[in-house]
C-alpha atoms as a PDB file:
ATOM      1  CA  MET A   1     -28.332  -9.586   0.849  1.00  0.00           C
ATOM      2  CA  GLN A   2     -27.647  -6.052  -0.033  1.00  0.00           C
ATOM      3  CA  ASP A   3     -28.911  -6.573  -3.456  1.00  0.00           C
ATOM      4  CA  LEU A   4     -32.180  -8.049  -2.000  1.00  0.00           C
ATOM      5  CA  ALA A   5     -32.506  -5.030   0.331  1.00  0.00           C
ATOM      6  CA  ASN A   6     -32.051  -2.739  -2.749  1.00  0.00           C
ATOM      7  CA  VAL A   7     -34.840  -4.586  -4.548  1.00  0.00           C
ATOM      8  CA  LEU A   8     -37.139  -4.548  -1.634  1.00  0.00           C
ATOM      9  CA  THR A   9     -36.642  -0.774  -1.148  1.00  0.00           C
ATOM     10  CA  GLY A  10     -38.118  -0.271  -4.563  1.00  0.00           C
ATOM     11  CA  GLN A  11     -40.947  -2.648  -3.703  1.00  0.00           C
ATOM     12  CA  VAL A  12     -41.982  -1.123  -0.554  1.00  0.00           C
ATOM     13  CA  ASP A  13     -41.231   2.543  -1.305  1.00  0.00           C
ATOM     14  CA  ARG A  14     -39.067   2.772   1.941  1.00  0.00           C
ATOM     15  CA  MET A  15     -35.311   2.438   2.665  1.00  0.00           C
ATOM     16  CA  VAL A  16     -34.540  -1.365   3.568  1.00  0.00           C
ATOM     17  CA  VAL A  17     -31.333  -2.013   5.315  1.00  0.00           C
ATOM     18  CA  ALA A  18     -29.806  -5.446   5.210  1.00  0.00           C
ATOM     19  CA  GLN A  19     -29.156  -6.528   8.885  1.00  0.00           C
ATOM     20  CA  SER A  20     -29.181 -10.352   8.446  1.00  0.00           C
ATOM     21  CA  GLY A  21     -25.525 -10.664   8.970  1.00  0.00           C
ATOM     22  CA  PHE A  22     -25.161 -12.476   5.579  1.00  0.00           C
ATOM     23  CA  ASN A  23     -23.586  -9.301   3.749  1.00  0.00           C
ATOM     24  CA  GLY A  24     -20.956 -10.202   1.235  1.00  0.00           C
ATOM     25  CA  LYS A  25     -22.357 -13.588   0.518  1.00  0.00           C
ATOM     26  CA  ARG A  26     -24.255 -14.448  -2.765  1.00  0.00           C
ATOM     27  CA  PHE A  27     -27.498 -16.415  -2.786  1.00  0.00           C
ATOM     28  CA  ASP A  28     -29.720 -17.583  -5.649  1.00  0.00           C
ATOM     29  CA  ILE A  29     -33.304 -17.002  -4.390  1.00  0.00           C
ATOM     30  CA  ALA A  30     -36.643 -17.236  -5.938  1.00  0.00           C
ATOM     31  CA  LEU A  31     -39.470 -15.214  -4.097  1.00  0.00           C
ATOM     32  CA  GLN A  32     -43.168 -15.533  -4.984  1.00  0.00           C
ATOM     33  CA  TRP A  33     -45.585 -12.949  -3.916  1.00  0.00           C
ATOM     34  CA  THR A  34     -48.622 -10.927  -4.914  1.00  0.00           C
ATOM     35  CA  PRO A  35     -47.425  -7.234  -5.499  1.00  0.00           C
ATOM     36  CA  ASP A  36     -49.379  -4.518  -3.992  1.00  0.00           C
ATOM     37  CA  LEU A  37     -50.267  -2.456  -7.088  1.00  0.00           C
ATOM     38  CA  SER A  38     -51.586   0.522  -5.025  1.00  0.00           C
ATOM     39  CA  THR A  39     -48.078   1.444  -3.833  1.00  0.00           C
ATOM     40  CA  PRO A  40     -45.655   3.388  -6.067  1.00  0.00           C
ATOM     41  CA  GLY A  41     -42.956   0.622  -6.056  1.00  0.00           C
ATOM     42  CA  GLY A  42     -45.636  -2.259  -6.136  1.00  0.00           C
ATOM     43  CA  ASN A  43     -45.557  -3.053  -9.701  1.00  0.00           C
ATOM     44  CA  GLY A  44     -43.786  -6.402  -8.741  1.00  0.00           C
ATOM     45  CA  PRO A  45     -42.575  -9.093 -11.243  1.00  0.00           C
ATOM     46  CA  GLU A  46     -43.071  -9.059 -14.989  1.00  0.00           C
ATOM     47  CA  ALA A  47     -45.714 -11.891 -14.937  1.00  0.00           C
ATOM     48  CA  PRO A  48     -49.175 -11.092 -13.793  1.00  0.00           C
ATOM     49  CA  PRO A  49     -49.525 -11.480 -10.157  1.00  0.00           C
ATOM     50  CA  ASP A  50     -51.378 -14.387  -8.659  1.00  0.00           C
ATOM     51  CA  PRO A  51     -54.236 -12.855  -6.686  1.00  0.00           C
ATOM     52  CA  GLY A  52     -54.276 -15.704  -4.274  1.00  0.00           C
ATOM     53  CA  GLY A  53     -50.461 -15.354  -3.455  1.00  0.00           C
ATOM     54  CA  PRO A  54     -48.944 -14.067  -0.118  1.00  0.00           C
ATOM     55  CA  ALA A  55     -48.112 -10.487   0.369  1.00  0.00           C
ATOM     56  CA  LEU A  56     -44.427  -9.554   0.230  1.00  0.00           C
ATOM     57  CA  VAL A  57     -43.865  -9.479   3.950  1.00  0.00           C
ATOM     58  CA  THR A  58     -45.517 -12.896   4.369  1.00  0.00           C
ATOM     59  CA  ALA A  59     -43.590 -14.300   1.488  1.00  0.00           C
ATOM     60  CA  LEU A  60     -40.208 -13.114   3.044  1.00  0.00           C
ATOM     61  CA  ALA A  61     -41.059 -14.800   6.209  1.00  0.00           C
ATOM     62  CA  GLU A  62     -42.441 -18.048   4.795  1.00  0.00           C
ATOM     63  CA  GLN A  63     -40.175 -18.567   1.960  1.00  0.00           C
ATOM     64  CA  LEU A  64     -36.868 -17.098   3.035  1.00  0.00           C
ATOM     65  CA  GLY A  65     -37.206 -16.829   6.986  1.00  0.00           C
ATOM     66  CA  LEU A  66     -36.504 -13.126   6.729  1.00  0.00           C
ATOM     67  CA  ARG A  67     -38.620 -10.223   8.094  1.00  0.00           C
ATOM     68  CA  LEU A  68     -38.961  -6.559   7.643  1.00  0.00           C
ATOM     69  CA  GLU A  69     -38.913  -4.539  10.881  1.00  0.00           C
ATOM     70  CA  PRO A  70     -39.745  -0.822  10.910  1.00  0.00           C
ATOM     71  CA  SER A  71     -37.177   1.305  12.780  1.00  0.00           C
ATOM     72  CA  LYS A  72     -35.749   4.731  12.831  1.00  0.00           C
ATOM     73  CA  GLY A  73     -32.173   5.405  11.616  1.00  0.00           C
ATOM     74  CA  PRO A  74     -30.141   8.267  10.191  1.00  0.00           C
ATOM     75  CA  ALA A  75     -31.411   9.773   7.097  1.00  0.00           C
END
């Protein structure tokens, strides 16, 4: 899950911390979303994005049952 958090950090241009409790376990996941090309990290996957696809936050919730929650923490 830490690898996923690292990838998400680049996509959302903010620090993402894995708090799922699944740290140390390996998963083979496929996540499909439409990247937000207006953000610095929003260049998304190599293939052209599907303009009708879900946003990243929606895809995380619907496809993986995960959510991004904003919070404050040590810098």
